[in-house]
């Protein structure tokens, strides 16, 4: 699992000073955790009426992560995770939930023997669930399912600009001082973050809930770590999509 947080700038300067104190010697994960500890756990809350009128900032829609740091990829043969799934019961589809790769949170690769009928394809080759952006009563913009979604189904990939901890800190301070109120940051590992503030997809509009209906999962795809959002339970069309910002 990845830890994912949306930061609201509007915090007292003493809270933001936590970032500056940790900037030199700590990784971005430690900075995030310390900041969250200072601010407190995320809770469901209601925004004032004037803030509900705020319009979300524009962003560039992308389908794949854009790297501004060195892309770290493991060689497929080093992973040693390959499946040998075959179709059963007359169905042409292979690689369901009993697929070895899927159970280990790894998409099938060219090293697998499942072929074109594989259901465990990389995120960018899977159909994204239908959803639409709406204005909510409590949390500004949000997103609702535009079709029924079954438990454990893939919903959408969380994509954005992949940056290192130094760039992330610089962006946080720049946005804080410019008065930006919405940041969309998801930690991949100790030194790498996905920033969907300026470039991303509809996943950036999924709001927080203490009882979420989706969750973030960290998958290995062609030797690259990526973040997928999956349904924790059956979701009806029209339901708001949510996940826990603290635990992902």
Foldseek 3Di string as FASTA:
>chain_A
DFFFAKDFQPDPVVLVVLCVVCVPPFFLVVSVVSSCVVVDFDAQFADDPVVLPDDADDAAEDLAAAEPDDFFFDAPVVVVQEFAWDDPPPDLATADCPTRQVVVQEAHDPVYDSPPNYPRHPQSPDDAFDKDWDRDRGDRIFMFGQAKAAAFDFHHWWYAYKDWRNVVSVVVVVCSVVVNGIWTWIDQDRTIIGTPRHYTHNVSRAEAHPDFQKEWDWHQYNRGTTIIIGGNHIGHGPGTGYYHNGHD
